[in-house]
Amino acid sequence: MEQKIGSLNMETGGSISHGLGVAREYGIPAVAGVADAAGRFEDGQKGRTNGESGRVEQLVD
């Protein structure tokens, strides 16, 4: 199966939320409680998500 995403950033939820559980199963980094997670990135824009520190940043080409 081809991987479609590299990380998950959610505006709401906690450590036992469904999204974080699925991310854990697929082995991708995930962060919950990200302010404006849906509006922070444009389609196709790259970012970096650190699931251990909870840091999410945009990458500029």
Protein backbone atom coordinates (compact mmCIF):
# COMPACT_ATOMS: atom_id res chain seq x y z
CA MET A 1 0.00 0.00 0.00
CA GLU A 2 1.32 3.41 -0.97
CA GLN A 3 1.72 5.88 1.91
CA LYS A 4 -0.35 9.02 1.31
CA ILE A 5 0.67 11.10 4.35
CA GLY A 6 3.82 11.56 6.38
CA SER A 7 2.29 12.95 9.58
CA LEU A 8 -0.95 13.96 11.28
CA ASN A 9 -1.66 17.31 12.96
CA MET A 10 -5.01 17.67 14.73
CA GLU A 11 -6.69 20.71 16.28
CA THR A 12 -8.52 18.70 18.95
CA GLY A 13 -8.07 15.41 20.71
CA GLY A 14 -5.78 13.88 23.26
CA SER A 15 -3.30 11.07 23.64
CA ILE A 16 -6.02 8.39 23.29
CA SER A 17 -7.89 9.98 20.37
CA HIS A 18 -8.71 7.85 17.33
CA GLY A 19 -6.45 9.83 14.99
CA LEU A 20 -3.40 9.39 17.18
CA GLY A 21 -4.11 5.67 17.55
CA VAL A 22 -4.29 5.24 13.77
CA ALA A 23 -1.09 7.27 13.30
CA ARG A 24 0.64 5.04 15.84
CA GLU A 25 -0.50 1.93 13.95
CA TYR A 26 0.92 3.30 10.68
CA GLY A 27 4.13 4.51 12.33
CA ILE A 28 3.73 8.19 11.41
CA PRO A 29 4.34 11.13 13.75
CA ALA A 30 1.24 12.88 15.09
CA VAL A 31 0.42 15.88 17.28
CA ALA A 32 -2.95 16.82 18.80
CA GLY A 33 -3.97 20.30 19.99
CA VAL A 34 -2.36 22.21 17.10
CA ALA A 35 -3.96 25.66 16.82
CA ASP A 36 -5.39 26.25 13.32
CA ALA A 37 -4.10 22.88 12.09
CA ALA A 38 -6.51 22.89 9.13
CA GLY A 39 -5.58 26.39 7.95
CA ARG A 40 -1.88 26.38 8.65
CA PHE A 41 -0.80 24.59 5.46
CA GLU A 42 -1.71 24.92 1.77
CA ASP A 43 -2.31 21.80 -0.32
CA GLY A 44 1.02 20.20 -1.14
CA GLN A 45 3.00 22.40 1.25
CA LYS A 46 5.65 20.55 3.23
CA GLY A 47 6.09 20.62 6.97
CA ARG A 48 7.85 18.86 9.79
CA THR A 49 6.01 17.19 12.68
CA ASN A 50 7.82 16.01 15.80
CA GLY A 51 5.47 13.70 17.69
CA GLU A 52 7.77 13.55 20.72
CA SER A 53 8.09 17.30 21.32
CA GLY A 54 4.72 18.29 19.82
CA ARG A 55 6.42 20.78 17.49
CA VAL A 56 4.91 21.46 14.04
CA GLU A 57 6.66 23.74 11.55
CA GLN A 58 6.23 24.79 7.94
CA LEU A 59 9.11 24.19 5.53
CA VAL A 60 9.94 26.75 2.87
CA ASP A 61 11.27 25.51 -0.48
